C-alpha atoms as a PDB file:
ATOM      1  CA  MET A   1      10.042  38.091  96.372  1.00  0.00           C
ATOM      2  CA  ARG A   2      13.721  37.828  97.206  1.00  0.00           C
ATOM      3  CA  GLU A   3      16.136  40.252  95.567  1.00  0.00           C
ATOM      4  CA  GLU A   4      17.912  37.507  93.610  1.00  0.00           C
ATOM      5  CA  GLU A   5      14.596  36.310  92.162  1.00  0.00           C
ATOM      6  CA  HIS A   6      13.703  39.872  91.138  1.00  0.00           C
ATOM      7  CA  VAL A   7      17.019  40.343  89.358  1.00  0.00           C
ATOM      8  CA  SER A   8      16.676  37.024  87.518  1.00  0.00           C
ATOM      9  CA  GLU A   9      13.123  37.850  86.520  1.00  0.00           C
ATOM     10  CA  THR A  10      14.258  41.262  85.246  1.00  0.00           C
ATOM     11  CA  GLN A  11      17.104  39.728  83.246  1.00  0.00           C
ATOM     12  CA  ASP A  12      14.773  37.190  81.658  1.00  0.00           C
ATOM     13  CA  THR A  13      12.412  39.912  80.375  1.00  0.00           C
ATOM     14  CA  THR A  14      14.956  42.510  79.250  1.00  0.00           C
ATOM     15  CA  GLU A  15      14.112  42.179  75.574  1.00  0.00           C
ATOM     16  CA  GLN A  16      10.415  42.936  76.239  1.00  0.00           C
ATOM     17  CA  VAL A  17      10.868  45.998  78.452  1.00  0.00           C
ATOM     18  CA  ASP A  18       9.507  49.371  77.325  1.00  0.00           C
ATOM     19  CA  PHE A  19      11.972  51.612  79.161  1.00  0.00           C
ATOM     20  CA  SER A  20       9.874  54.740  78.612  1.00  0.00           C
ATOM     21  CA  SER A  21       7.183  53.286  80.893  1.00  0.00           C
ATOM     22  CA  ILE A  22       9.491  52.669  83.861  1.00  0.00           C
ATOM     23  CA  ASP A  23       9.545  55.184  86.701  1.00  0.00           C
ATOM     24  CA  PRO A  24      13.013  56.757  87.187  1.00  0.00           C
ATOM     25  CA  GLU A  25      12.936  56.074  90.940  1.00  0.00           C
ATOM     26  CA  GLN A  26      12.299  52.378  90.224  1.00  0.00           C
ATOM     27  CA  VAL A  27      15.277  52.340  87.861  1.00  0.00           C
ATOM     28  CA  ALA A  28      17.494  54.019  90.464  1.00  0.00           C
ATOM     29  CA  GLY A  29      16.383  51.493  93.090  1.00  0.00           C
ATOM     30  CA  ALA A  30      16.953  48.545  90.776  1.00  0.00           C
ATOM     31  CA  ILE A  31      20.413  49.757  89.802  1.00  0.00           C
ATOM     32  CA  SER A  32      21.378  50.165  93.447  1.00  0.00           C
ATOM     33  CA  SER A  33      20.550  46.511  94.089  1.00  0.00           C
ATOM     34  CA  ILE A  34      22.378  44.830  91.195  1.00  0.00           C
ATOM     35  CA  THR A  35      26.045  44.092  90.759  1.00  0.00           C
ATOM     36  CA  ASP A  36      28.339  45.780  88.269  1.00  0.00           C
ATOM     37  CA  GLU A  37      28.536  42.500  86.373  1.00  0.00           C
ATOM     38  CA  GLN A  38      24.743  42.239  86.050  1.00  0.00           C
ATOM     39  CA  LEU A  39      24.546  45.835  84.865  1.00  0.00           C
ATOM     40  CA  ARG A  40      27.437  45.289  82.439  1.00  0.00           C
ATOM     41  CA  GLU A  41      25.625  42.240  81.047  1.00  0.00           C
ATOM     42  CA  ALA A  42      22.427  44.245  80.484  1.00  0.00           C
ATOM     43  CA  LEU A  43      24.377  47.035  78.775  1.00  0.00           C
ATOM     44  CA  GLY A  44      26.259  44.547  76.615  1.00  0.00           C
ATOM     45  CA  GLY A  45      23.101  43.189  75.041  1.00  0.00           C
ATOM     46  CA  PRO A  46      20.603  44.308  72.442  1.00  0.00           C
ATOM     47  CA  GLN A  47      18.867  46.711  74.837  1.00  0.00           C
ATOM     48  CA  ARG A  48      21.922  48.941  75.387  1.00  0.00           C
ATOM     49  CA  GLU A  49      20.847  51.574  72.888  1.00  0.00           C
ATOM     50  CA  ALA A  50      17.298  51.659  74.275  1.00  0.00           C
ATOM     51  CA  ILE A  51      18.505  51.948  77.876  1.00  0.00           C
ATOM     52  CA  ILE A  52      21.040  54.708  77.263  1.00  0.00           C
ATOM     53  CA  GLY A  53      18.781  56.479  74.762  1.00  0.00           C
ATOM     54  CA  GLU A  54      15.997  56.603  77.338  1.00  0.00           C
ATOM     55  CA  VAL A  55      18.344  58.184  79.880  1.00  0.00           C
ATOM     56  CA  PHE A  56      19.163  60.987  77.458  1.00  0.00           C
ATOM     57  CA  ARG A  57      15.531  61.410  76.427  1.00  0.00           C
ATOM     58  CA  ARG A  58      14.629  61.864  80.080  1.00  0.00           C
ATOM     59  CA  MET A  59      17.405  64.388  80.650  1.00  0.00           C
ATOM     60  CA  GLU A  60      15.270  66.892  78.771  1.00  0.00           C
ATOM     61  CA  ALA A  61      12.332  66.255  81.129  1.00  0.00           C
ATOM     62  CA  HIS A  62      14.512  66.310  84.274  1.00  0.00           C
ATOM     63  CA  PHE A  63      16.300  69.525  83.346  1.00  0.00           C
ATOM     64  CA  LYS A  64      15.918  72.344  85.910  1.00  0.00           C
ATOM     65  CA  PRO A  65      16.021  75.596  83.893  1.00  0.00           C
ATOM     66  CA  GLY A  66      16.216  77.713  87.054  1.00  0.00           C
ATOM     67  CA  SER A  67      19.489  76.042  87.984  1.00  0.00           C
ATOM     68  CA  ALA A  68      20.938  76.767  84.561  1.00  0.00           C
ATOM     69  CA  ALA A  69      20.059  80.436  84.225  1.00  0.00           C
ATOM     70  CA  GLY A  70      22.428  82.064  81.750  1.00  0.00           C
ATOM     71  CA  VAL A  71      24.085  78.765  80.821  1.00  0.00           C
ATOM     72  CA  ASP A  72      24.903  78.272  77.164  1.00  0.00           C
ATOM     73  CA  ALA A  73      26.874  75.049  76.895  1.00  0.00           C
ATOM     74  CA  VAL A  74      27.347  71.831  74.992  1.00  0.00           C
ATOM     75  CA  ILE A  75      28.201  68.641  76.869  1.00  0.00           C
ATOM     76  CA  HIS A  76      29.451  65.546  75.102  1.00  0.00           C
ATOM     77  CA  TRP A  77      29.084  62.153  76.744  1.00  0.00           C
ATOM     78  CA  LYS A  78      31.213  59.214  75.623  1.00  0.00           C
ATOM     79  CA  ILE A  79      29.883  56.016  77.122  1.00  0.00           C
ATOM     80  CA  MET A  80      32.381  53.189  76.785  1.00  0.00           C
ATOM     81  CA  GLY A  81      31.986  49.460  77.057  1.00  0.00           C
ATOM     82  CA  GLY A  82      29.610  48.834  74.198  1.00  0.00           C
ATOM     83  CA  PRO A  83      29.501  45.562  72.327  1.00  0.00           C
ATOM     84  CA  ASP A  84      32.798  44.947  70.567  1.00  0.00           C
ATOM     85  CA  GLY A  85      34.363  47.888  72.433  1.00  0.00           C
ATOM     86  CA  GLY A  86      31.952  50.422  70.951  1.00  0.00           C
ATOM     87  CA  ILE A  87      31.365  53.907  72.317  1.00  0.00           C
ATOM     88  CA  ASP A  88      28.003  55.660  72.513  1.00  0.00           C
ATOM     89  CA  HIS A  89      28.475  59.372  71.879  1.00  0.00           C
ATOM     90  CA  TYR A  90      25.707  61.769  72.911  1.00  0.00           C
ATOM     91  CA  GLU A  91      25.391  65.525  72.977  1.00  0.00           C
ATOM     92  CA  VAL A  92      23.465  67.625  75.481  1.00  0.00           C
ATOM     93  CA  VAL A  93      22.835  71.259  74.538  1.00  0.00           C
ATOM     94  CA  LEU A  94      21.844  73.709  77.274  1.00  0.00           C
ATOM     95  CA  ARG A  95      20.676  76.953  75.708  1.00  0.00           C
ATOM     96  CA  ASP A  96      18.041  79.612  76.400  1.00  0.00           C
ATOM     97  CA  GLY A  97      16.725  77.773  79.461  1.00  0.00           C
ATOM     98  CA  ALA A  98      16.164  74.542  77.541  1.00  0.00           C
ATOM     99  CA  CYS A  99      17.889  71.195  77.233  1.00  0.00           C
ATOM    100  CA  SER A 100      18.089  69.107  74.083  1.00  0.00           C
ATOM    101  CA  THR A 101      19.893  65.834  73.510  1.00  0.00           C
ATOM    102  CA  SER A 102      21.159  64.066  70.417  1.00  0.00           C
ATOM    103  CA  LYS A 103      22.990  60.881  69.526  1.00  0.00           C
ATOM    104  CA  ALA A 104      24.612  62.804  66.658  1.00  0.00           C
ATOM    105  CA  PRO A 105      26.952  65.395  68.201  1.00  0.00           C
ATOM    106  CA  GLN A 106      27.167  68.493  66.008  1.00  0.00           C
ATOM    107  CA  HIS A 107      28.614  71.236  68.204  1.00  0.00           C
ATOM    108  CA  GLU A 108      31.957  71.935  69.823  1.00  0.00           C
ATOM    109  CA  PRO A 109      31.635  70.847  73.479  1.00  0.00           C
ATOM    110  CA  ARG A 110      32.389  72.978  76.496  1.00  0.00           C
ATOM    111  CA  VAL A 111      33.116  69.716  78.286  1.00  0.00           C
ATOM    112  CA  THR A 112      33.349  66.040  77.374  1.00  0.00           C
ATOM    113  CA  LEU A 113      32.613  63.363  79.957  1.00  0.00           C
ATOM    114  CA  ALA A 114      33.831  59.833  79.254  1.00  0.00           C
ATOM    115  CA  LEU A 115      33.066  56.786  81.379  1.00  0.00           C
ATOM    116  CA  ASP A 116      32.047  53.141  81.254  1.00  0.00           C
ATOM    117  CA  GLY A 117      28.356  52.305  80.765  1.00  0.00           C
ATOM    118  CA  VAL A 118      28.069  50.820  84.261  1.00  0.00           C
ATOM    119  CA  ASP A 119      29.496  53.946  85.881  1.00  0.00           C
ATOM    120  CA  PHE A 120      27.308  56.136  83.649  1.00  0.00           C
ATOM    121  CA  MET A 121      24.148  54.355  84.787  1.00  0.00           C
ATOM    122  CA  ARG A 122      25.191  54.555  88.427  1.00  0.00           C
ATOM    123  CA  LEU A 123      25.976  58.290  88.034  1.00  0.00           C
ATOM    124  CA  VAL A 124      22.707  59.279  86.335  1.00  0.00           C
ATOM    125  CA  THR A 125      20.597  57.313  88.823  1.00  0.00           C
ATOM    126  CA  GLY A 126      22.249  58.852  91.883  1.00  0.00           C
ATOM    127  CA  ASN A 127      24.031  55.618  92.799  1.00  0.00           C
ATOM    128  CA  ALA A 128      27.509  57.083  92.273  1.00  0.00           C
ATOM    129  CA  ALA A 129      28.970  60.539  92.798  1.00  0.00           C
ATOM    130  CA  GLY A 130      30.725  62.355  89.963  1.00  0.00           C
ATOM    131  CA  PRO A 131      33.630  63.565  92.107  1.00  0.00           C
ATOM    132  CA  THR A 132      34.242  60.028  93.383  1.00  0.00           C
ATOM    133  CA  LEU A 133      34.215  58.603  89.852  1.00  0.00           C
ATOM    134  CA  PHE A 134      36.585  61.368  88.726  1.00  0.00           C
ATOM    135  CA  MET A 135      39.009  60.926  91.614  1.00  0.00           C
ATOM    136  CA  SER A 136      39.102  57.147  91.062  1.00  0.00           C
ATOM    137  CA  GLY A 137      39.862  57.621  87.357  1.00  0.00           C
ATOM    138  CA  LYS A 138      36.545  56.136  86.208  1.00  0.00           C
ATOM    139  CA  LEU A 139      35.273  59.469  84.862  1.00  0.00           C
ATOM    140  CA  LYS A 140      37.470  61.352  82.410  1.00  0.00           C
ATOM    141  CA  ILE A 141      36.781  65.042  81.870  1.00  0.00           C
ATOM    142  CA  GLU A 142      38.073  67.104  78.951  1.00  0.00           C
ATOM    143  CA  GLY A 143      37.414  70.808  78.771  1.00  0.00           C
ATOM    144  CA  ASP A 144      35.886  73.054  81.424  1.00  0.00           C
ATOM    145  CA  LEU A 145      36.429  71.132  84.671  1.00  0.00           C
ATOM    146  CA  MET A 146      34.730  73.811  86.796  1.00  0.00           C
ATOM    147  CA  PHE A 147      31.614  73.722  84.633  1.00  0.00           C
ATOM    148  CA  SER A 148      31.491  69.920  84.905  1.00  0.00           C
ATOM    149  CA  THR A 149      31.007  70.255  88.673  1.00  0.00           C
ATOM    150  CA  GLN A 150      27.763  72.185  88.061  1.00  0.00           C
ATOM    151  CA  ILE A 151      26.103  69.803  85.589  1.00  0.00           C
ATOM    152  CA  GLN A 152      24.458  67.493  88.115  1.00  0.00           C
ATOM    153  CA  SER A 153      22.765  70.432  89.879  1.00  0.00           C
ATOM    154  CA  MET A 154      20.967  71.317  86.627  1.00  0.00           C
ATOM    155  CA  PHE A 155      18.983  68.060  86.620  1.00  0.00           C
ATOM    156  CA  THR A 156      16.627  66.264  88.972  1.00  0.00           C
ATOM    157  CA  ILE A 157      18.393  63.004  89.785  1.00  0.00           C
ATOM    158  CA  PRO A 158      16.046  60.138  90.731  1.00  0.00           C
ATOM    159  CA  GLY A 159      16.548  58.770  94.199  1.00  0.00           C
END
């Protein structure tokens, strides 16, 4: 199957996809092979909440407690580019060697990361580097900049 056919087939079945059943490495591979416009289109549709929600649900499973020893922090994520200019706001709490996520931020963040949905998906799938996104102005960081450089090392990033 040619790559273009695979992408078209994937786009045609987006509404039927159970994202919890997809292997993270397959997602990372698929994201590396589609254009920003195709990814933006997928994130602009009815599956946006399911796609982004699944990423945050999996953060808990991909958390590496050993890499976060002694860390007590709250991270807010603001994912731009939603339908009608909406923003998805999530909270990640790292405390006592555990990671929990919520779509209803309740705590004061140590750091807030803001970026477009396309860049977010590329970042969390290992298809973009945080420092590159930051230096190009695509990733905005408020709060503890030094701590933000450690976040990626606390999670297993699919390859």
